[in-house]
Amino acid sequence: MLTLQLPYNGDEAESDYSNITDSSFNTSALESSTDSVYGTRPPLPQDLPEEYDIVKEIFNWCTEIDYLKRPSAKDILTRLQVFTTS
């Protein structure tokens, strides 16, 4: 998913990169921290309104630990079509 944000690094306190500019960004810190969180799911905000339920559902579906349970692009499109017609 394209988020236009730096990758999740496992630490919510350190995940606020809003004050980092391109010139001040040091990639070595991220490279060393990503190994420990590889395969983990970043936390979602707890206060998401009900209209985001479909987004949370698809997010959880796409980040299943067992990759065989993850949806194809066609599965996601079908789910979104069902959601928008109901």
PDB file of N, CA and C in Angstrom:
ATOM      1  N   MET A   1       0.838  -1.163   0.000  1.00  0.00           N
ATOM      2  CA  MET A   1       0.000   0.000   0.000  1.00  0.00           C
ATOM      3  C   MET A   1       0.897   1.245   0.000  1.00  0.00           C
ATOM      4  N   LEU A   2       0.582   2.189  -0.818  1.00  0.00           N
ATOM      5  CA  LEU A   2       1.347   3.416  -0.895  1.00  0.00           C
ATOM      6  C   LEU A   2       0.844   4.384   0.168  1.00  0.00           C
ATOM      7  N   THR A   3       1.680   4.667   1.153  1.00  0.00           N
ATOM      8  CA  THR A   3       1.254   5.517   2.259  1.00  0.00           C
ATOM      9  C   THR A   3       1.943   6.870   2.285  1.00  0.00           C
ATOM     10  N   LEU A   4       2.987   7.018   1.506  1.00  0.00           N
ATOM     11  CA  LEU A   4       3.780   8.237   1.513  1.00  0.00           C
ATOM     12  C   LEU A   4       4.365   8.510   2.896  1.00  0.00           C
ATOM     13  N   GLN A   5       4.604   7.443   3.651  1.00  0.00           N
ATOM     14  CA  GLN A   5       5.230   7.539   4.965  1.00  0.00           C
ATOM     15  C   GLN A   5       6.410   6.584   5.008  1.00  0.00           C
ATOM     16  N   LEU A   6       7.331   6.862   5.919  1.00  0.00           N
ATOM     17  CA  LEU A   6       8.454   5.960   6.106  1.00  0.00           C
ATOM     18  C   LEU A   6       7.956   4.645   6.674  1.00  0.00           C
ATOM     19  N   PRO A   7       8.683   3.562   6.474  1.00  0.00           N
ATOM     20  CA  PRO A   7       8.231   2.251   6.951  1.00  0.00           C
ATOM     21  C   PRO A   7       8.047   2.190   8.458  1.00  0.00           C
ATOM     22  N   TYR A   8       7.127   1.358   8.870  1.00  0.00           N
ATOM     23  CA  TYR A   8       6.882   1.100  10.294  1.00  0.00           C
ATOM     24  C   TYR A   8       8.125   0.460  10.890  1.00  0.00           C
ATOM     25  N   ASN A   9       8.559   0.937  12.043  1.00  0.00           N
ATOM     26  CA  ASN A   9       9.774   0.389  12.640  1.00  0.00           C
ATOM     27  C   ASN A   9       9.521  -0.351  13.944  1.00  0.00           C
ATOM     28  N   GLY A  10       8.266  -0.569  14.321  1.00  0.00           N
ATOM     29  CA  GLY A  10       7.962  -1.345  15.516  1.00  0.00           C
ATOM     30  C   GLY A  10       7.813  -0.545  16.787  1.00  0.00           C
ATOM     31  N   ASP A  11       8.204   0.702  16.779  1.00  0.00           N
ATOM     32  CA  ASP A  11       8.120   1.535  17.970  1.00  0.00           C
ATOM     33  C   ASP A  11       7.259   2.750  17.652  1.00  0.00           C
ATOM     34  N   GLU A  12       6.059   2.775  18.242  1.00  0.00           N
ATOM     35  CA  GLU A  12       5.135   3.873  17.947  1.00  0.00           C
ATOM     36  C   GLU A  12       5.740   5.231  18.287  1.00  0.00           C
ATOM     37  N   ALA A  13       6.498   5.298  19.370  1.00  0.00           N
ATOM     38  CA  ALA A  13       7.087   6.571  19.782  1.00  0.00           C
ATOM     39  C   ALA A  13       8.086   7.071  18.742  1.00  0.00           C
ATOM     40  N   GLU A  14       8.773   6.166  18.085  1.00  0.00           N
ATOM     41  CA  GLU A  14       9.761   6.557  17.093  1.00  0.00           C
ATOM     42  C   GLU A  14       9.191   6.611  15.688  1.00  0.00           C
ATOM     43  N   SER A  15       7.906   6.288  15.520  1.00  0.00           N
ATOM     44  CA  SER A  15       7.309   6.239  14.191  1.00  0.00           C
ATOM     45  C   SER A  15       6.814   7.591  13.703  1.00  0.00           C
ATOM     46  N   ASP A  16       6.958   8.643  14.478  1.00  0.00           N
ATOM     47  CA  ASP A  16       6.544   9.971  14.033  1.00  0.00           C
ATOM     48  C   ASP A  16       7.720  10.617  13.315  1.00  0.00           C
ATOM     49  N   TYR A  17       7.693  10.541  12.000  1.00  0.00           N
ATOM     50  CA  TYR A  17       8.778  11.080  11.192  1.00  0.00           C
ATOM     51  C   TYR A  17       8.400  12.413  10.554  1.00  0.00           C
ATOM     52  N   SER A  18       7.371  13.078  11.090  1.00  0.00           N
ATOM     53  CA  SER A  18       6.855  14.286  10.461  1.00  0.00           C
ATOM     54  C   SER A  18       7.879  15.419  10.415  1.00  0.00           C
ATOM     55  N   ASN A  19       8.861  15.395  11.293  1.00  0.00           N
ATOM     56  CA  ASN A  19       9.830  16.491  11.322  1.00  0.00           C
ATOM     57  C   ASN A  19      11.102  16.172  10.536  1.00  0.00           C
ATOM     58  N   ILE A  20      11.146  15.045   9.862  1.00  0.00           N
ATOM     59  CA  ILE A  20      12.337  14.658   9.113  1.00  0.00           C
ATOM     60  C   ILE A  20      12.228  15.184   7.692  1.00  0.00           C
ATOM     61  N   THR A  21      13.275  15.823   7.248  1.00  0.00           N
ATOM     62  CA  THR A  21      13.328  16.295   5.861  1.00  0.00           C
ATOM     63  C   THR A  21      14.209  15.343   5.066  1.00  0.00           C
ATOM     64  N   ASP A  22      14.127  15.412   3.764  1.00  0.00           N
ATOM     65  CA  ASP A  22      14.938  14.539   2.912  1.00  0.00           C
ATOM     66  C   ASP A  22      16.421  14.661   3.228  1.00  0.00           C
ATOM     67  N   SER A  23      16.884  15.871   3.465  1.00  0.00           N
ATOM     68  CA  SER A  23      18.309  16.076   3.700  1.00  0.00           C
ATOM     69  C   SER A  23      18.760  15.552   5.062  1.00  0.00           C
ATOM     70  N   SER A  24      17.830  15.452   6.040  1.00  0.00           N
ATOM     71  CA  SER A  24      18.226  14.998   7.374  1.00  0.00           C
ATOM     72  C   SER A  24      17.938  13.519   7.604  1.00  0.00           C
ATOM     73  N   PHE A  25      17.355  12.855   6.632  1.00  0.00           N
ATOM     74  CA  PHE A  25      16.962  11.463   6.816  1.00  0.00           C
ATOM     75  C   PHE A  25      18.169  10.542   6.735  1.00  0.00           C
ATOM     76  N   ASN A  26      18.371   9.760   7.781  1.00  0.00           N
ATOM     77  CA  ASN A  26      19.481   8.816   7.853  1.00  0.00           C
ATOM     78  C   ASN A  26      18.911   7.409   7.717  1.00  0.00           C
ATOM     79  N   THR A  27      19.143   6.754   6.609  1.00  0.00           N
ATOM     80  CA  THR A  27      18.549   5.439   6.363  1.00  0.00           C
ATOM     81  C   THR A  27      19.189   4.336   7.198  1.00  0.00           C
ATOM     82  N   SER A  28      20.366   4.521   7.712  1.00  0.00           N
ATOM     83  CA  SER A  28      21.012   3.454   8.476  1.00  0.00           C
ATOM     84  C   SER A  28      20.225   3.092   9.733  1.00  0.00           C
ATOM     85  N   ALA A  29      19.563   4.047  10.353  1.00  0.00           N
ATOM     86  CA  ALA A  29      18.769   3.765  11.551  1.00  0.00           C
ATOM     87  C   ALA A  29      17.588   2.869  11.213  1.00  0.00           C
ATOM     88  N   LEU A  30      16.955   3.107  10.101  1.00  0.00           N
ATOM     89  CA  LEU A  30      15.826   2.272   9.695  1.00  0.00           C
ATOM     90  C   LEU A  30      16.270   0.887   9.291  1.00  0.00           C
ATOM     91  N   GLU A  31      17.369   0.786   8.581  1.00  0.00           N
ATOM     92  CA  GLU A  31      17.856  -0.512   8.117  1.00  0.00           C
ATOM     93  C   GLU A  31      18.148  -1.439   9.281  1.00  0.00           C
ATOM     94  N   SER A  32      18.709  -0.919  10.356  1.00  0.00           N
ATOM     95  CA  SER A  32      19.034  -1.774  11.493  1.00  0.00           C
ATOM     96  C   SER A  32      17.798  -2.142  12.311  1.00  0.00           C
ATOM     97  N   SER A  33      16.779  -1.285  12.301  1.00  0.00           N
ATOM     98  CA  SER A  33      15.609  -1.552  13.140  1.00  0.00           C
ATOM     99  C   SER A  33      14.557  -2.403  12.447  1.00  0.00           C
ATOM    100  N   THR A  34      14.596  -2.519  11.131  1.00  0.00           N
ATOM    101  CA  THR A  34      13.538  -3.249  10.431  1.00  0.00           C
ATOM    102  C   THR A  34      13.646  -4.752  10.606  1.00  0.00           C
ATOM    103  N   ASP A  35      14.819  -5.278  10.853  1.00  0.00           N
ATOM    104  CA  ASP A  35      14.971  -6.719  11.010  1.00  0.00           C
ATOM    105  C   ASP A  35      14.151  -7.261  12.170  1.00  0.00           C
ATOM    106  N   SER A  36      14.090  -6.529  13.269  1.00  0.00           N
ATOM    107  CA  SER A  36      13.394  -7.020  14.459  1.00  0.00           C
ATOM    108  C   SER A  36      11.882  -6.983  14.322  1.00  0.00           C
ATOM    109  N   VAL A  37      11.342  -6.175  13.432  1.00  0.00           N
ATOM    110  CA  VAL A  37       9.893  -6.084  13.281  1.00  0.00           C
ATOM    111  C   VAL A  37       9.402  -6.719  11.985  1.00  0.00           C
ATOM    112  N   TYR A  38      10.303  -7.324  11.237  1.00  0.00           N
ATOM    113  CA  TYR A  38       9.905  -7.965   9.990  1.00  0.00           C
ATOM    114  C   TYR A  38       8.842  -9.017  10.295  1.00  0.00           C
ATOM    115  N   GLY A  39       7.746  -8.947   9.592  1.00  0.00           N
ATOM    116  CA  GLY A  39       6.672  -9.903   9.804  1.00  0.00           C
ATOM    117  C   GLY A  39       5.662  -9.480  10.848  1.00  0.00           C
ATOM    118  N   THR A  40       5.809  -8.289  11.405  1.00  0.00           N
ATOM    119  CA  THR A  40       4.830  -7.816  12.386  1.00  0.00           C
ATOM    120  C   THR A  40       3.868  -6.851  11.711  1.00  0.00           C
ATOM    121  N   ARG A  41       2.737  -6.672  12.312  1.00  0.00           N
ATOM    122  CA  ARG A  41       1.687  -5.802  11.776  1.00  0.00           C
ATOM    123  C   ARG A  41       1.732  -4.485  12.531  1.00  0.00           C
ATOM    124  N   PRO A  42       1.847  -3.355  11.821  1.00  0.00           N
ATOM    125  CA  PRO A  42       1.839  -2.075  12.529  1.00  0.00           C
ATOM    126  C   PRO A  42       0.486  -1.840  13.183  1.00  0.00           C
ATOM    127  N   PRO A  43       0.465  -1.159  14.314  1.00  0.00           N
ATOM    128  CA  PRO A  43      -0.806  -0.917  14.997  1.00  0.00           C
ATOM    129  C   PRO A  43      -1.667   0.083  14.232  1.00  0.00           C
ATOM    130  N   LEU A  44      -2.963  -0.119  14.298  1.00  0.00           N
ATOM    131  CA  LEU A  44      -3.913   0.820  13.717  1.00  0.00           C
ATOM    132  C   LEU A  44      -4.422   1.735  14.824  1.00  0.00           C
ATOM    133  N   PRO A  45      -4.777   2.944  14.478  1.00  0.00           N
ATOM    134  CA  PRO A  45      -5.352   3.843  15.492  1.00  0.00           C
ATOM    135  C   PRO A  45      -6.611   3.216  16.089  1.00  0.00           C
ATOM    136  N   GLN A  46      -6.775   3.330  17.385  1.00  0.00           N
ATOM    137  CA  GLN A  46      -7.922   2.752  18.078  1.00  0.00           C
ATOM    138  C   GLN A  46      -9.205   3.540  17.864  1.00  0.00           C
ATOM    139  N   ASP A  47      -9.073   4.792  17.466  1.00  0.00           N
ATOM    140  CA  ASP A  47     -10.241   5.659  17.366  1.00  0.00           C
ATOM    141  C   ASP A  47     -10.765   5.825  15.936  1.00  0.00           C
ATOM    142  N   LEU A  48     -10.539   4.846  15.080  1.00  0.00           N
ATOM    143  CA  LEU A  48     -11.058   4.936  13.716  1.00  0.00           C
ATOM    144  C   LEU A  48     -12.571   4.794  13.729  1.00  0.00           C
ATOM    145  N   PRO A  49     -13.263   5.660  13.012  1.00  0.00           N
ATOM    146  CA  PRO A  49     -14.721   5.575  12.973  1.00  0.00           C
ATOM    147  C   PRO A  49     -15.196   4.311  12.247  1.00  0.00           C
ATOM    148  N   GLU A  50     -16.446   3.991  12.413  1.00  0.00           N
ATOM    149  CA  GLU A  50     -17.047   2.777  11.857  1.00  0.00           C
ATOM    150  C   GLU A  50     -16.899   2.688  10.336  1.00  0.00           C
ATOM    151  N   GLU A  51     -16.898   3.816   9.659  1.00  0.00           N
ATOM    152  CA  GLU A  51     -16.784   3.770   8.197  1.00  0.00           C
ATOM    153  C   GLU A  51     -15.435   3.237   7.716  1.00  0.00           C
ATOM    154  N   TYR A  52     -14.477   3.087   8.605  1.00  0.00           N
ATOM    155  CA  TYR A  52     -13.185   2.511   8.258  1.00  0.00           C
ATOM    156  C   TYR A  52     -13.134   0.994   8.485  1.00  0.00           C
ATOM    157  N   ASP A  53     -14.244   0.397   8.867  1.00  0.00           N
ATOM    158  CA  ASP A  53     -14.261  -1.047   9.128  1.00  0.00           C
ATOM    159  C   ASP A  53     -13.797  -1.855   7.919  1.00  0.00           C
ATOM    160  N   ILE A  54     -14.217  -1.464   6.717  1.00  0.00           N
ATOM    161  CA  ILE A  54     -13.796  -2.193   5.522  1.00  0.00           C
ATOM    162  C   ILE A  54     -12.293  -2.047   5.303  1.00  0.00           C
ATOM    163  N   VAL A  55     -11.745  -0.892   5.600  1.00  0.00           N
ATOM    164  CA  VAL A  55     -10.301  -0.679   5.460  1.00  0.00           C
ATOM    165  C   VAL A  55      -9.556  -1.557   6.453  1.00  0.00           C
ATOM    166  N   LYS A  56     -10.037  -1.600   7.701  1.00  0.00           N
ATOM    167  CA  LYS A  56      -9.399  -2.448   8.718  1.00  0.00           C
ATOM    168  C   LYS A  56      -9.499  -3.922   8.334  1.00  0.00           C
ATOM    169  N   GLU A  57     -10.657  -4.318   7.813  1.00  0.00           N
ATOM    170  CA  GLU A  57     -10.848  -5.709   7.393  1.00  0.00           C
ATOM    171  C   GLU A  57      -9.846  -6.089   6.299  1.00  0.00           C
ATOM    172  N   ILE A  58      -9.724  -5.242   5.291  1.00  0.00           N
ATOM    173  CA  ILE A  58      -8.801  -5.539   4.190  1.00  0.00           C
ATOM    174  C   ILE A  58      -7.355  -5.466   4.668  1.00  0.00           C
ATOM    175  N   PHE A  59      -7.047  -4.509   5.539  1.00  0.00           N
ATOM    176  CA  PHE A  59      -5.693  -4.412   6.092  1.00  0.00           C
ATOM    177  C   PHE A  59      -5.317  -5.706   6.820  1.00  0.00           C
ATOM    178  N   ASN A  60      -6.209  -6.171   7.694  1.00  0.00           N
ATOM    179  CA  ASN A  60      -5.922  -7.404   8.439  1.00  0.00           C
ATOM    180  C   ASN A  60      -5.827  -8.611   7.514  1.00  0.00           C
ATOM    181  N   TRP A  61      -6.668  -8.633   6.513  1.00  0.00           N
ATOM    182  CA  TRP A  61      -6.661  -9.721   5.536  1.00  0.00           C
ATOM    183  C   TRP A  61      -5.339  -9.738   4.768  1.00  0.00           C
ATOM    184  N   CYS A  62      -4.862  -8.574   4.363  1.00  0.00           N
ATOM    185  CA  CYS A  62      -3.633  -8.468   3.573  1.00  0.00           C
ATOM    186  C   CYS A  62      -2.365  -8.693   4.393  1.00  0.00           C
ATOM    187  N   THR A  63      -2.473  -8.584   5.705  1.00  0.00           N
ATOM    188  CA  THR A  63      -1.285  -8.749   6.549  1.00  0.00           C
ATOM    189  C   THR A  63      -1.335 -10.033   7.361  1.00  0.00           C
ATOM    190  N   GLU A  64      -2.096 -11.007   6.891  1.00  0.00           N
ATOM    191  CA  GLU A  64      -2.130 -12.325   7.546  1.00  0.00           C
ATOM    192  C   GLU A  64      -0.716 -12.883   7.650  1.00  0.00           C
ATOM    193  N   ILE A  65      -0.417 -13.521   8.757  1.00  0.00           N
ATOM    194  CA  ILE A  65       0.899 -14.135   8.927  1.00  0.00           C
ATOM    195  C   ILE A  65       1.123 -15.221   7.883  1.00  0.00           C
ATOM    196  N   ASP A  66       0.127 -16.040   7.658  1.00  0.00           N
ATOM    197  CA  ASP A  66       0.207 -17.094   6.645  1.00  0.00           C
ATOM    198  C   ASP A  66      -0.080 -16.481   5.284  1.00  0.00           C
ATOM    199  N   TYR A  67       0.937 -16.374   4.466  1.00  0.00           N
ATOM    200  CA  TYR A  67       0.772 -15.708   3.178  1.00  0.00           C
ATOM    201  C   TYR A  67      -0.246 -16.399   2.277  1.00  0.00           C
ATOM    202  N   LEU A  68      -0.504 -17.668   2.521  1.00  0.00           N
ATOM    203  CA  LEU A  68      -1.489 -18.387   1.711  1.00  0.00           C
ATOM    204  C   LEU A  68      -2.917 -17.914   1.998  1.00  0.00           C
ATOM    205  N   LYS A  69      -3.116 -17.275   3.150  1.00  0.00           N
ATOM    206  CA  LYS A  69      -4.431 -16.754   3.513  1.00  0.00           C
ATOM    207  C   LYS A  69      -4.642 -15.323   3.018  1.00  0.00           C
ATOM    208  N   ARG A  70      -3.601 -14.700   2.470  1.00  0.00           N
ATOM    209  CA  ARG A  70      -3.713 -13.322   1.992  1.00  0.00           C
ATOM    210  C   ARG A  70      -4.478 -13.292   0.670  1.00  0.00           C
ATOM    211  N   PRO A  71      -5.213 -12.225   0.437  1.00  0.00           N
ATOM    212  CA  PRO A  71      -6.031 -12.143  -0.773  1.00  0.00           C
ATOM    213  C   PRO A  71      -5.221 -11.765  -2.006  1.00  0.00           C
ATOM    214  N   SER A  72      -5.759 -12.135  -3.141  1.00  0.00           N
ATOM    215  CA  SER A  72      -5.206 -11.651  -4.404  1.00  0.00           C
ATOM    216  C   SER A  72      -5.818 -10.276  -4.668  1.00  0.00           C
ATOM    217  N   ALA A  73      -5.305  -9.581  -5.652  1.00  0.00           N
ATOM    218  CA  ALA A  73      -5.880  -8.289  -6.026  1.00  0.00           C
ATOM    219  C   ALA A  73      -7.333  -8.471  -6.452  1.00  0.00           C
ATOM    220  N   LYS A  74      -7.619  -9.573  -7.117  1.00  0.00           N
ATOM    221  CA  LYS A  74      -8.993  -9.853  -7.553  1.00  0.00           C
ATOM    222  C   LYS A  74      -9.907 -10.053  -6.336  1.00  0.00           C
ATOM    223  N   ASP A  75      -9.417 -10.754  -5.302  1.00  0.00           N
ATOM    224  CA  ASP A  75     -10.199 -10.957  -4.082  1.00  0.00           C
ATOM    225  C   ASP A  75     -10.538  -9.619  -3.416  1.00  0.00           C
ATOM    226  N   ILE A  76      -9.556  -8.732  -3.365  1.00  0.00           N
ATOM    227  CA  ILE A  76      -9.769  -7.423  -2.744  1.00  0.00           C
ATOM    228  C   ILE A  76     -10.793  -6.626  -3.540  1.00  0.00           C
ATOM    229  N   LEU A  77     -10.649  -6.629  -4.852  1.00  0.00           N
ATOM    230  CA  LEU A  77     -11.590  -5.906  -5.700  1.00  0.00           C
ATOM    231  C   LEU A  77     -13.010  -6.452  -5.530  1.00  0.00           C
ATOM    232  N   THR A  78     -13.139  -7.774  -5.492  1.00  0.00           N
ATOM    233  CA  THR A  78     -14.457  -8.386  -5.291  1.00  0.00           C
ATOM    234  C   THR A  78     -15.048  -7.969  -3.958  1.00  0.00           C
ATOM    235  N   ARG A  79     -14.254  -7.968  -2.905  1.00  0.00           N
ATOM    236  CA  ARG A  79     -14.734  -7.569  -1.572  1.00  0.00           C
ATOM    237  C   ARG A  79     -15.178  -6.112  -1.565  1.00  0.00           C
ATOM    238  N   LEU A  80     -14.399  -5.256  -2.226  1.00  0.00           N
ATOM    239  CA  LEU A  80     -14.773  -3.839  -2.287  1.00  0.00           C
ATOM    240  C   LEU A  80     -16.047  -3.633  -3.091  1.00  0.00           C
ATOM    241  N   GLN A  81     -16.221  -4.400  -4.161  1.00  0.00           N
ATOM    242  CA  GLN A  81     -17.450  -4.298  -4.952  1.00  0.00           C
ATOM    243  C   GLN A  81     -18.656  -4.741  -4.139  1.00  0.00           C
ATOM    244  N   VAL A  82     -18.520  -5.815  -3.378  1.00  0.00           N
ATOM    245  CA  VAL A  82     -19.608  -6.279  -2.516  1.00  0.00           C
ATOM    246  C   VAL A  82     -19.925  -5.204  -1.474  1.00  0.00           C
ATOM    247  N   PHE A  83     -18.894  -4.619  -0.902  1.00  0.00           N
ATOM    248  CA  PHE A  83     -19.083  -3.585   0.114  1.00  0.00           C
ATOM    249  C   PHE A  83     -19.818  -2.370  -0.462  1.00  0.00           C
ATOM    250  N   THR A  84     -19.437  -1.940  -1.648  1.00  0.00           N
ATOM    251  CA  THR A  84     -20.035  -0.724  -2.202  1.00  0.00           C
ATOM    252  C   THR A  84     -21.449  -0.940  -2.709  1.00  0.00           C
ATOM    253  N   THR A  85     -21.837  -2.191  -2.972  1.00  0.00           N
ATOM    254  CA  THR A  85     -23.199  -2.449  -3.450  1.00  0.00           C
ATOM    255  C   THR A  85     -24.153  -2.839  -2.313  1.00  0.00           C
ATOM    256  N   SER A  86     -23.620  -2.977  -1.111  1.00  0.00           N
ATOM    257  CA  SER A  86     -24.498  -3.352   0.014  1.00  0.00           C
ATOM    258  C   SER A  86     -24.872  -2.159   0.860  1.00  0.00           C
TER     259      SER A  86
END
